[in-house]
C-alpha atoms as a PDB file:
ATOM      1  CA  ALA A   1      82.505  58.317  45.480  1.00  0.00           C
ATOM      2  CA  ALA A   2      83.244  62.022  45.645  1.00  0.00           C
ATOM      3  CA  GLY A   3      84.033  63.564  42.265  1.00  0.00           C
ATOM      4  CA  THR A   4      82.460  60.712  40.240  1.00  0.00           C
ATOM      5  CA  THR A   5      80.938  62.039  37.024  1.00  0.00           C
ATOM      6  CA  MET A   6      77.674  60.368  36.048  1.00  0.00           C
ATOM      7  CA  MET A   7      76.167  60.346  32.575  1.00  0.00           C
ATOM      8  CA  ARG A   8      72.602  59.672  31.416  1.00  0.00           C
ATOM      9  CA  CYS A   9      71.068  58.028  28.390  1.00  0.00           C
ATOM     10  CA  ALA A  10      67.646  56.624  27.517  1.00  0.00           C
ATOM     11  CA  ALA A  11      67.318  52.894  26.874  1.00  0.00           C
ATOM     12  CA  GLY A  12      64.168  51.275  25.593  1.00  0.00           C
ATOM     13  CA  ASP A  13      62.249  48.872  23.446  1.00  0.00           C
ATOM     14  CA  VAL A  14      58.741  48.826  21.947  1.00  0.00           C
ATOM     15  CA  HIS A  15      57.253  48.867  25.465  1.00  0.00           C
ATOM     16  CA  GLY A  16      58.861  52.076  26.749  1.00  0.00           C
ATOM     17  CA  THR A  17      62.026  53.832  27.839  1.00  0.00           C
ATOM     18  CA  VAL A  18      63.987  54.197  31.043  1.00  0.00           C
ATOM     19  CA  ASP A  19      66.759  56.625  32.001  1.00  0.00           C
ATOM     20  CA  VAL A  20      70.098  54.894  32.577  1.00  0.00           C
ATOM     21  CA  LEU A  21      72.681  56.568  34.815  1.00  0.00           C
ATOM     22  CA  PHE A  22      76.265  55.342  34.451  1.00  0.00           C
ATOM     23  CA  LYS A  23      79.855  56.313  35.238  1.00  0.00           C
ATOM     24  CA  LYS A  24      81.740  58.278  32.594  1.00  0.00           C
ATOM     25  CA  GLU A  25      84.123  55.326  32.137  1.00  0.00           C
ATOM     26  CA  LEU A  26      81.254  53.341  30.523  1.00  0.00           C
ATOM     27  CA  LYS A  27      80.516  56.045  27.914  1.00  0.00           C
ATOM     28  CA  GLY A  28      82.190  54.080  25.095  1.00  0.00           C
ATOM     29  CA  SER A  29      79.782  51.180  25.640  1.00  0.00           C
ATOM     30  CA  ALA A  30      76.608  53.327  25.603  1.00  0.00           C
ATOM     31  CA  VAL A  31      76.392  53.918  21.847  1.00  0.00           C
ATOM     32  CA  LYS A  32      73.209  55.264  20.204  1.00  0.00           C
ATOM     33  CA  ASP A  33      71.144  52.684  18.278  1.00  0.00           C
ATOM     34  CA  LYS A  34      73.275  49.818  19.630  1.00  0.00           C
ATOM     35  CA  VAL A  35      71.853  46.703  21.292  1.00  0.00           C
ATOM     36  CA  VAL A  36      73.449  46.497  24.740  1.00  0.00           C
ATOM     37  CA  GLU A  37      73.087  44.522  27.944  1.00  0.00           C
ATOM     38  CA  VAL A  38      72.911  46.674  31.081  1.00  0.00           C
ATOM     39  CA  GLY A  39      73.721  45.344  34.540  1.00  0.00           C
ATOM     40  CA  GLY A  40      72.830  47.248  37.686  1.00  0.00           C
ATOM     41  CA  LYS A  41      69.947  48.271  39.922  1.00  0.00           C
ATOM     42  CA  CYS A  42      66.544  49.828  39.276  1.00  0.00           C
ATOM     43  CA  VAL A  43      65.543  52.701  41.557  1.00  0.00           C
ATOM     44  CA  ALA A  44      62.566  55.050  41.693  1.00  0.00           C
ATOM     45  CA  VAL A  45      63.185  58.697  42.538  1.00  0.00           C
ATOM     46  CA  GLN A  46      60.215  61.057  42.872  1.00  0.00           C
ATOM     47  CA  GLY A  47      58.070  58.815  40.687  1.00  0.00           C
ATOM     48  CA  ARG A  48      60.661  58.321  37.917  1.00  0.00           C
ATOM     49  CA  LEU A  49      62.353  55.000  37.180  1.00  0.00           C
ATOM     50  CA  PHE A  50      66.136  54.920  36.737  1.00  0.00           C
ATOM     51  CA  VAL A  51      68.655  52.159  36.099  1.00  0.00           C
ATOM     52  CA  LEU A  52      71.947  52.669  37.953  1.00  0.00           C
ATOM     53  CA  ALA A  53      74.284  50.804  35.599  1.00  0.00           C
ATOM     54  CA  ASP A  54      77.348  48.966  36.868  1.00  0.00           C
ATOM     55  CA  THR A  55      78.111  47.393  33.495  1.00  0.00           C
ATOM     56  CA  ILE A  56      77.214  48.019  29.861  1.00  0.00           C
ATOM     57  CA  SER A  57      78.278  45.407  27.309  1.00  0.00           C
ATOM     58  CA  ASN A  58      77.379  44.162  23.836  1.00  0.00           C
ATOM     59  CA  GLY A  59      73.973  42.544  23.790  1.00  0.00           C
ATOM     60  CA  SER A  60      71.794  40.575  21.399  1.00  0.00           C
ATOM     61  CA  TRP A  61      68.068  40.170  20.841  1.00  0.00           C
ATOM     62  CA  ALA A  62      66.427  36.972  22.032  1.00  0.00           C
ATOM     63  CA  VAL A  63      64.665  36.593  18.671  1.00  0.00           C
ATOM     64  CA  GLU A  64      67.101  35.573  15.921  1.00  0.00           C
ATOM     65  CA  GLY A  65      67.128  37.915  12.881  1.00  0.00           C
ATOM     66  CA  TYR A  66      65.364  40.785  14.679  1.00  0.00           C
ATOM     67  CA  ALA A  67      68.389  42.927  15.587  1.00  0.00           C
ATOM     68  CA  GLU A  68      68.851  44.475  12.118  1.00  0.00           C
ATOM     69  CA  HIS A  69      65.285  45.837  12.266  1.00  0.00           C
ATOM     70  CA  VAL A  70      65.725  47.634  15.604  1.00  0.00           C
ATOM     71  CA  SER A  71      66.200  51.396  15.480  1.00  0.00           C
ATOM     72  CA  THR A  72      65.096  54.441  17.457  1.00  0.00           C
ATOM     73  CA  ARG A  73      63.816  55.781  14.125  1.00  0.00           C
ATOM     74  CA  HIS A  74      61.653  52.726  13.396  1.00  0.00           C
ATOM     75  CA  THR A  75      58.166  53.731  12.209  1.00  0.00           C
ATOM     76  CA  ASN A  76      56.498  51.677  14.966  1.00  0.00           C
ATOM     77  CA  SER A  77      58.813  52.764  17.764  1.00  0.00           C
ATOM     78  CA  LEU A  78      56.546  53.546  20.713  1.00  0.00           C
ATOM     79  CA  SER A  79      59.470  54.335  22.987  1.00  0.00           C
ATOM     80  CA  THR A  80      60.879  57.211  20.940  1.00  0.00           C
ATOM     81  CA  ARG A  81      60.044  60.412  22.751  1.00  0.00           C
ATOM     82  CA  GLU A  82      59.624  63.621  20.813  1.00  0.00           C
ATOM     83  CA  ARG A  83      62.137  66.055  22.276  1.00  0.00           C
ATOM     84  CA  ARG A  84      60.797  69.594  22.588  1.00  0.00           C
ATOM     85  CA  TYR A  85      62.333  72.702  24.028  1.00  0.00           C
ATOM     86  CA  GLY A  86      60.545  75.920  24.839  1.00  0.00           C
ATOM     87  CA  CYS A  87      60.733  79.274  26.517  1.00  0.00           C
ATOM     88  CA  LEU A  88      58.466  80.637  29.220  1.00  0.00           C
ATOM     89  CA  VAL A  89      58.499  84.442  29.462  1.00  0.00           C
ATOM     90  CA  ILE A  90      56.898  85.794  32.650  1.00  0.00           C
ATOM     91  CA  ARG A  91      56.203  89.466  33.374  1.00  0.00           C
ATOM     92  CA  GLY A  92      54.446  90.111  36.648  1.00  0.00           C
ATOM     93  CA  ALA A  93      51.364  87.881  36.810  1.00  0.00           C
ATOM     94  CA  LYS A  94      51.310  87.283  33.016  1.00  0.00           C
ATOM     95  CA  CYS A  95      53.181  84.941  30.667  1.00  0.00           C
ATOM     96  CA  VAL A  96      53.675  84.798  26.898  1.00  0.00           C
ATOM     97  CA  LEU A  97      51.682  82.090  25.087  1.00  0.00           C
ATOM     98  CA  ALA A  98      51.669  81.154  21.392  1.00  0.00           C
ATOM     99  CA  ARG A  99      48.725  80.623  19.029  1.00  0.00           C
ATOM    100  CA  SER A 100      49.102  78.725  15.740  1.00  0.00           C
ATOM    101  CA  LEU A 101      48.296  80.971  12.777  1.00  0.00           C
ATOM    102  CA  GLN A 102      48.218  77.855  10.541  1.00  0.00           C
ATOM    103  CA  SER A 103      45.703  76.074  12.878  1.00  0.00           C
ATOM    104  CA  GLU A 104      48.233  73.374  13.839  1.00  0.00           C
ATOM    105  CA  TRP A 105      46.582  73.301  17.295  1.00  0.00           C
ATOM    106  CA  ASP A 106      43.598  74.794  19.078  1.00  0.00           C
ATOM    107  CA  GLY A 107      43.973  77.508  21.717  1.00  0.00           C
ATOM    108  CA  VAL A 108      47.266  78.749  23.085  1.00  0.00           C
ATOM    109  CA  ARG A 109      50.349  77.035  24.544  1.00  0.00           C
ATOM    110  CA  ILE A 110      53.869  77.692  25.802  1.00  0.00           C
ATOM    111  CA  PRO A 111      56.124  78.480  22.799  1.00  0.00           C
ATOM    112  CA  SER A 112      58.207  75.401  21.920  1.00  0.00           C
ATOM    113  CA  ALA A 113      59.935  73.656  19.030  1.00  0.00           C
ATOM    114  CA  VAL A 114      60.792  70.037  18.194  1.00  0.00           C
ATOM    115  CA  VAL A 115      64.509  69.274  18.254  1.00  0.00           C
ATOM    116  CA  GLN A 116      65.640  67.979  14.857  1.00  0.00           C
ATOM    117  CA  GLU A 117      67.957  64.971  14.434  1.00  0.00           C
ATOM    118  CA  GLY A 118      71.483  65.934  15.477  1.00  0.00           C
ATOM    119  CA  GLU A 119      70.429  69.427  16.600  1.00  0.00           C
ATOM    120  CA  ALA A 120      71.779  70.777  19.883  1.00  0.00           C
ATOM    121  CA  PRO A 121      69.050  71.714  22.411  1.00  0.00           C
ATOM    122  CA  ILE A 122      70.226  75.352  22.467  1.00  0.00           C
ATOM    123  CA  ALA A 123      69.690  75.590  18.676  1.00  0.00           C
ATOM    124  CA  ALA A 124      66.026  74.520  18.926  1.00  0.00           C
END
């Protein structure tokens, strides 16, 4: 519908993550680190998988006693993506690249930083 505001979050388990798009009215149900059940459709757009959520409700894990051990900060969490933000400065046919003076990496790369827990992307 015209004027509908959509929101996005990442949902996942130890196998991977998927972007979930949902109406703003469901925001209260999409709580970070909460086990939820999502109802809707899966769609692929330009090679990316999305879930278009119609409903988001309280969920539970199929394995009894496992829920208290689930966290996006779990040491074995394969689905947690490292969020990085960077800046690409272009002048004519050249761009600025960064080299690690502490040998953290080989060669040069686009300047970037890892976003810390609770940090706004603009602050990175």
